[in-house]
Amino acid sequence: MITAAKFRKIVFALPHTLEKPHFDRIAFRVDVPKGKNFCTLAGDASNCNVFLTPDEQAMLTGAEPGIFARIPNKWGDKGATSIDLRACDEATLKSALVMAWRHAAPAKYHDGLAL
């Protein structure tokens, strides 16, 4: 189980990460020019949403259906994926967050990513 404190520790280990409110969730974005949101955290910290490719989403939901789920809307069609933090372990979460971070950060920042 990943707590809110543990989630923040993991997500802030990713370079240039910034936290901002996002509707009823908390968004985490890459705070560089042309950086984007790469995940959101539910207010109760029970789940987070990450922004992956559809292929990455299919791989993760197929491998770990008790942890990963396609978000059931147009964002889900584009790869938005929910992670059940109550069922997730730290290594699995880190892996998914790194995938999402890489999509949100311009390529020139990828070399600074080491977890």
N, C-alpha and C. Protein backbone atom coordinates (compact mmCIF):
# COMPACT_ATOMS: atom_id res chain seq x y z
N MET A 1 0.84 -1.19 0.00
CA MET A 1 0.00 0.00 0.00
C MET A 1 0.88 1.25 0.00
N ILE A 2 0.52 2.19 -0.85
CA ILE A 2 1.26 3.43 -0.95
C ILE A 2 0.46 4.54 -0.27
N THR A 3 1.03 5.16 0.74
CA THR A 3 0.38 6.27 1.42
C THR A 3 0.62 7.56 0.63
N ALA A 4 -0.10 8.60 1.00
CA ALA A 4 0.10 9.91 0.35
C ALA A 4 1.53 10.39 0.55
N ALA A 5 2.07 10.21 1.74
CA ALA A 5 3.44 10.64 2.01
C ALA A 5 4.44 9.86 1.16
N LYS A 6 4.25 8.56 1.05
CA LYS A 6 5.13 7.72 0.24
C LYS A 6 5.01 8.09 -1.24
N PHE A 7 3.78 8.34 -1.69
CA PHE A 7 3.57 8.75 -3.07
C PHE A 7 4.36 10.02 -3.37
N ARG A 8 4.23 11.01 -2.51
CA ARG A 8 4.93 12.28 -2.74
C ARG A 8 6.45 12.09 -2.72
N LYS A 9 6.95 11.24 -1.86
CA LYS A 9 8.39 10.97 -1.83
C LYS A 9 8.85 10.39 -3.16
N ILE A 10 8.07 9.46 -3.71
CA ILE A 10 8.42 8.84 -4.99
C ILE A 10 8.30 9.83 -6.13
N VAL A 11 7.19 10.55 -6.19
CA VAL A 11 6.96 11.45 -7.32
C VAL A 11 7.94 12.63 -7.30
N PHE A 12 8.31 13.13 -6.14
CA PHE A 12 9.24 14.25 -6.09
C PHE A 12 10.70 13.83 -6.30
N ALA A 13 10.96 12.52 -6.38
CA ALA A 13 12.29 12.04 -6.78
C ALA A 13 12.50 12.22 -8.28
N LEU A 14 11.41 12.44 -9.01
CA LEU A 14 11.50 12.70 -10.45
C LEU A 14 11.89 14.17 -10.65
N PRO A 15 12.87 14.43 -11.50
CA PRO A 15 13.37 15.81 -11.67
C PRO A 15 12.29 16.79 -12.12
N HIS A 16 12.40 17.99 -11.63
CA HIS A 16 11.56 19.12 -12.06
C HIS A 16 10.07 18.88 -11.82
N THR A 17 9.71 18.15 -10.78
CA THR A 17 8.30 17.88 -10.50
C THR A 17 7.71 18.98 -9.64
N LEU A 18 6.53 19.42 -10.04
CA LEU A 18 5.79 20.47 -9.36
C LEU A 18 4.38 19.96 -9.05
N GLU A 19 3.85 20.32 -7.89
CA GLU A 19 2.50 19.92 -7.47
C GLU A 19 1.57 21.12 -7.58
N LYS A 20 0.37 20.88 -8.16
CA LYS A 20 -0.64 21.94 -8.29
C LYS A 20 -2.03 21.33 -8.14
N PRO A 21 -2.99 22.11 -7.66
CA PRO A 21 -4.38 21.61 -7.62
C PRO A 21 -4.89 21.36 -9.05
N HIS A 22 -5.75 20.37 -9.17
CA HIS A 22 -6.33 20.02 -10.47
C HIS A 22 -7.73 19.47 -10.24
N PHE A 23 -8.73 20.34 -10.29
CA PHE A 23 -10.12 19.96 -10.00
C PHE A 23 -10.17 19.34 -8.60
N ASP A 24 -10.67 18.09 -8.48
CA ASP A 24 -10.78 17.44 -7.18
C ASP A 24 -9.55 16.58 -6.87
N ARG A 25 -8.50 16.73 -7.67
CA ARG A 25 -7.28 15.94 -7.51
C ARG A 25 -6.09 16.88 -7.37
N ILE A 26 -4.92 16.31 -7.20
CA ILE A 26 -3.68 17.06 -7.18
C ILE A 26 -2.88 16.62 -8.39
N ALA A 27 -2.44 17.57 -9.19
CA ALA A 27 -1.66 17.25 -10.39
C ALA A 27 -0.18 17.39 -10.12
N PHE A 28 0.59 16.55 -10.79
CA PHE A 28 2.05 16.62 -10.75
C PHE A 28 2.51 16.80 -12.18
N ARG A 29 3.34 17.81 -12.39
CA ARG A 29 3.77 18.14 -13.74
C ARG A 29 5.28 18.33 -13.77
N VAL A 30 5.82 18.23 -14.96
CA VAL A 30 7.23 18.51 -15.18
C VAL A 30 7.34 20.02 -15.36
N ASP A 31 8.01 20.67 -14.44
CA ASP A 31 8.09 22.13 -14.41
C ASP A 31 9.30 22.64 -15.21
N VAL A 32 9.22 22.44 -16.51
CA VAL A 32 10.21 22.95 -17.46
C VAL A 32 9.43 23.48 -18.65
N PRO A 33 10.08 24.28 -19.50
CA PRO A 33 9.35 24.73 -20.69
C PRO A 33 8.79 23.55 -21.48
N LYS A 34 7.54 23.66 -21.84
CA LYS A 34 6.80 22.64 -22.57
C LYS A 34 6.59 21.35 -21.78
N GLY A 35 6.81 21.39 -20.46
CA GLY A 35 6.52 20.24 -19.61
C GLY A 35 5.01 20.14 -19.40
N LYS A 36 4.54 18.95 -19.08
CA LYS A 36 3.10 18.69 -18.94
C LYS A 36 2.81 17.95 -17.65
N ASN A 37 1.51 17.85 -17.33
CA ASN A 37 1.08 16.98 -16.24
C ASN A 37 1.41 15.54 -16.62
N PHE A 38 1.88 14.76 -15.64
CA PHE A 38 2.12 13.36 -15.92
C PHE A 38 1.33 12.44 -15.00
N CYS A 39 0.78 12.98 -13.92
CA CYS A 39 -0.09 12.16 -13.07
C CYS A 39 -0.93 13.06 -12.18
N THR A 40 -1.99 12.48 -11.64
CA THR A 40 -2.82 13.16 -10.66
C THR A 40 -3.07 12.20 -9.51
N LEU A 41 -3.27 12.75 -8.33
CA LEU A 41 -3.51 11.98 -7.12
C LEU A 41 -4.89 12.31 -6.59
N ALA A 42 -5.67 11.27 -6.25
CA ALA A 42 -6.99 11.49 -5.66
C ALA A 42 -6.84 12.14 -4.30
N GLY A 43 -7.86 12.91 -3.90
CA GLY A 43 -7.84 13.61 -2.62
C GLY A 43 -7.67 12.68 -1.43
N ASP A 44 -8.21 11.46 -1.53
CA ASP A 44 -8.07 10.50 -0.44
C ASP A 44 -6.85 9.61 -0.60
N ALA A 45 -6.04 9.84 -1.65
CA ALA A 45 -4.81 9.11 -1.93
C ALA A 45 -5.03 7.62 -2.16
N SER A 46 -6.23 7.23 -2.55
CA SER A 46 -6.49 5.82 -2.82
C SER A 46 -6.02 5.40 -4.21
N ASN A 47 -5.90 6.37 -5.11
CA ASN A 47 -5.47 6.07 -6.46
C ASN A 47 -4.79 7.28 -7.09
N CYS A 48 -4.09 7.00 -8.16
CA CYS A 48 -3.53 8.07 -8.98
C CYS A 48 -3.80 7.72 -10.43
N ASN A 49 -3.78 8.73 -11.26
CA ASN A 49 -3.92 8.53 -12.70
C ASN A 49 -2.61 8.94 -13.35
N VAL A 50 -2.14 8.10 -14.28
CA VAL A 50 -0.92 8.40 -15.02
C VAL A 50 -1.26 8.47 -16.50
N PHE A 51 -0.46 9.22 -17.23
CA PHE A 51 -0.70 9.41 -18.65
C PHE A 51 0.36 8.64 -19.44
N LEU A 52 -0.07 7.50 -20.00
CA LEU A 52 0.80 6.57 -20.72
C LEU A 52 0.40 6.52 -22.18
N THR A 53 1.11 5.72 -22.96
CA THR A 53 0.66 5.44 -24.32
C THR A 53 -0.38 4.32 -24.23
N PRO A 54 -1.23 4.17 -25.24
CA PRO A 54 -2.17 3.05 -25.22
C PRO A 54 -1.48 1.69 -25.13
N ASP A 55 -0.31 1.54 -25.76
CA ASP A 55 0.42 0.27 -25.68
C ASP A 55 0.93 0.00 -24.26
N GLU A 56 1.46 1.03 -23.62
CA GLU A 56 1.91 0.86 -22.23
C GLU A 56 0.72 0.52 -21.33
N GLN A 57 -0.39 1.22 -21.56
CA GLN A 57 -1.59 0.95 -20.79
C GLN A 57 -2.03 -0.51 -20.94
N ALA A 58 -2.06 -1.00 -22.17
CA ALA A 58 -2.47 -2.39 -22.43
C ALA A 58 -1.52 -3.37 -21.73
N MET A 59 -0.23 -3.09 -21.76
CA MET A 59 0.74 -3.96 -21.11
C MET A 59 0.50 -4.01 -19.59
N LEU A 60 0.34 -2.84 -18.97
CA LEU A 60 0.19 -2.80 -17.51
C LEU A 60 -1.15 -3.35 -17.05
N THR A 61 -2.23 -2.99 -17.74
CA THR A 61 -3.54 -3.50 -17.33
C THR A 61 -3.63 -5.01 -17.56
N GLY A 62 -2.95 -5.51 -18.58
CA GLY A 62 -2.92 -6.96 -18.81
C GLY A 62 -2.09 -7.71 -17.80
N ALA A 63 -0.97 -7.12 -17.39
CA ALA A 63 -0.06 -7.77 -16.45
C ALA A 63 -0.55 -7.70 -15.01
N GLU A 64 -1.15 -6.57 -14.63
CA GLU A 64 -1.56 -6.34 -13.24
C GLU A 64 -2.96 -5.73 -13.18
N PRO A 65 -3.99 -6.49 -13.55
CA PRO A 65 -5.35 -5.92 -13.58
C PRO A 65 -5.89 -5.52 -12.21
N GLY A 66 -5.31 -6.01 -11.15
CA GLY A 66 -5.72 -5.61 -9.81
C GLY A 66 -5.14 -4.28 -9.37
N ILE A 67 -4.19 -3.78 -10.14
CA ILE A 67 -3.52 -2.52 -9.82
C ILE A 67 -3.86 -1.44 -10.85
N PHE A 68 -3.79 -1.80 -12.13
CA PHE A 68 -3.95 -0.83 -13.23
C PHE A 68 -5.30 -1.01 -13.91
N ALA A 69 -5.93 0.12 -14.27
CA ALA A 69 -7.19 0.09 -15.00
C ALA A 69 -7.24 1.26 -15.98
N ARG A 70 -7.79 1.00 -17.15
CA ARG A 70 -8.01 2.06 -18.13
C ARG A 70 -9.07 3.01 -17.59
N ILE A 71 -8.84 4.30 -17.67
CA ILE A 71 -9.86 5.26 -17.27
C ILE A 71 -10.97 5.20 -18.32
N PRO A 72 -12.22 5.01 -17.88
CA PRO A 72 -13.32 4.76 -18.83
C PRO A 72 -13.89 6.03 -19.48
N ASN A 73 -13.06 6.71 -20.25
CA ASN A 73 -13.52 7.89 -20.99
C ASN A 73 -12.56 8.13 -22.15
N LYS A 74 -12.70 9.28 -22.82
CA LYS A 74 -11.84 9.56 -23.97
C LYS A 74 -10.37 9.65 -23.59
N TRP A 75 -10.07 10.08 -22.35
CA TRP A 75 -8.68 10.12 -21.90
C TRP A 75 -8.12 8.71 -21.79
N GLY A 76 -8.96 7.77 -21.34
CA GLY A 76 -8.53 6.38 -21.27
C GLY A 76 -8.19 5.81 -22.63
N ASP A 77 -8.92 6.23 -23.66
CA ASP A 77 -8.62 5.80 -25.03
C ASP A 77 -7.23 6.24 -25.45
N LYS A 78 -6.76 7.34 -24.87
CA LYS A 78 -5.44 7.89 -25.22
C LYS A 78 -4.33 7.39 -24.30
N GLY A 79 -4.67 6.53 -23.33
CA GLY A 79 -3.65 5.96 -22.45
C GLY A 79 -3.76 6.34 -20.99
N ALA A 80 -4.71 7.19 -20.61
CA ALA A 80 -4.86 7.56 -19.19
C ALA A 80 -5.24 6.31 -18.40
N THR A 81 -4.48 6.07 -17.35
CA THR A 81 -4.58 4.82 -16.60
C THR A 81 -4.63 5.11 -15.10
N SER A 82 -5.52 4.43 -14.41
CA SER A 82 -5.64 4.56 -12.96
C SER A 82 -4.81 3.49 -12.27
N ILE A 83 -4.18 3.88 -11.17
CA ILE A 83 -3.39 2.95 -10.35
C ILE A 83 -4.02 2.91 -8.96
N ASP A 84 -4.39 1.73 -8.52
CA ASP A 84 -4.93 1.55 -7.18
C ASP A 84 -3.76 1.51 -6.20
N LEU A 85 -3.56 2.59 -5.47
CA LEU A 85 -2.41 2.69 -4.57
C LEU A 85 -2.53 1.78 -3.35
N ARG A 86 -3.73 1.30 -3.08
CA ARG A 86 -3.91 0.36 -1.96
C ARG A 86 -3.38 -1.02 -2.32
N ALA A 87 -3.28 -1.32 -3.62
CA ALA A 87 -2.82 -2.64 -4.07
C ALA A 87 -1.41 -2.59 -4.67
N CYS A 88 -0.86 -1.42 -4.80
CA CYS A 88 0.40 -1.22 -5.52
C CYS A 88 1.60 -1.26 -4.57
N ASP A 89 2.73 -1.74 -5.10
CA ASP A 89 3.97 -1.67 -4.33
C ASP A 89 4.84 -0.54 -4.90
N GLU A 90 5.88 -0.19 -4.19
CA GLU A 90 6.71 0.95 -4.53
C GLU A 90 7.40 0.80 -5.89
N ALA A 91 7.96 -0.38 -6.18
CA ALA A 91 8.68 -0.58 -7.45
C ALA A 91 7.74 -0.46 -8.65
N THR A 92 6.54 -1.00 -8.52
CA THR A 92 5.56 -0.93 -9.61
C THR A 92 5.13 0.51 -9.84
N LEU A 93 4.88 1.25 -8.76
CA LEU A 93 4.50 2.65 -8.90
C LEU A 93 5.62 3.46 -9.54
N LYS A 94 6.86 3.28 -9.08
CA LYS A 94 7.99 4.01 -9.65
C LYS A 94 8.08 3.78 -11.15
N SER A 95 7.94 2.55 -11.57
CA SER A 95 8.03 2.21 -12.98
C SER A 95 6.98 2.94 -13.81
N ALA A 96 5.74 2.94 -13.35
CA ALA A 96 4.66 3.62 -14.07
C ALA A 96 4.86 5.13 -14.07
N LEU A 97 5.30 5.69 -12.95
CA LEU A 97 5.52 7.14 -12.89
C LEU A 97 6.65 7.57 -13.82
N VAL A 98 7.70 6.77 -13.90
CA VAL A 98 8.81 7.10 -14.80
C VAL A 98 8.32 7.10 -16.24
N MET A 99 7.52 6.10 -16.62
CA MET A 99 6.97 6.08 -17.98
C MET A 99 6.19 7.35 -18.26
N ALA A 100 5.32 7.72 -17.33
CA ALA A 100 4.48 8.91 -17.51
C ALA A 100 5.32 10.17 -17.53
N TRP A 101 6.32 10.26 -16.65
CA TRP A 101 7.19 11.43 -16.59
C TRP A 101 7.92 11.63 -17.92
N ARG A 102 8.41 10.55 -18.50
CA ARG A 102 9.14 10.63 -19.77
C ARG A 102 8.26 11.19 -20.90
N HIS A 103 6.96 10.90 -20.87
CA HIS A 103 6.06 11.44 -21.89
C HIS A 103 5.80 12.93 -21.67
N ALA A 104 5.89 13.37 -20.44
CA ALA A 104 5.57 14.77 -20.12
C ALA A 104 6.78 15.69 -20.21
N ALA A 105 7.97 15.15 -20.10
CA ALA A 105 9.19 15.96 -20.11
C ALA A 105 9.80 16.01 -21.51
N PRO A 106 10.26 17.16 -21.94
CA PRO A 106 10.99 17.22 -23.21
C PRO A 106 12.21 16.29 -23.15
N ALA A 107 12.56 15.71 -24.27
CA ALA A 107 13.62 14.69 -24.34
C ALA A 107 14.94 15.15 -23.73
N LYS A 108 15.26 16.44 -23.83
CA LYS A 108 16.56 16.89 -23.32
C LYS A 108 16.67 16.75 -21.80
N TYR A 109 15.56 16.54 -21.11
CA TYR A 109 15.59 16.36 -19.65
C TYR A 109 15.65 14.89 -19.24
N HIS A 110 15.52 13.97 -20.16
CA HIS A 110 15.48 12.55 -19.82
C HIS A 110 16.79 12.03 -19.21
N ASP A 111 17.91 12.58 -19.63
CA ASP A 111 19.19 12.10 -19.12
C ASP A 111 19.33 12.34 -17.62
N GLY A 112 18.65 13.32 -17.08
CA GLY A 112 18.72 13.61 -15.65
C GLY A 112 17.88 12.68 -14.81
N LEU A 113 17.19 11.73 -15.46
CA LEU A 113 16.31 10.82 -14.73
C LEU A 113 17.04 9.56 -14.34
N ALA A 114 17.26 9.37 -13.06
CA ALA A 114 17.91 8.16 -12.55
C ALA A 114 17.24 7.77 -11.26
N LEU A 115 16.54 6.67 -11.28
CA LEU A 115 15.89 6.17 -10.04
C LEU A 115 16.44 4.84 -9.66
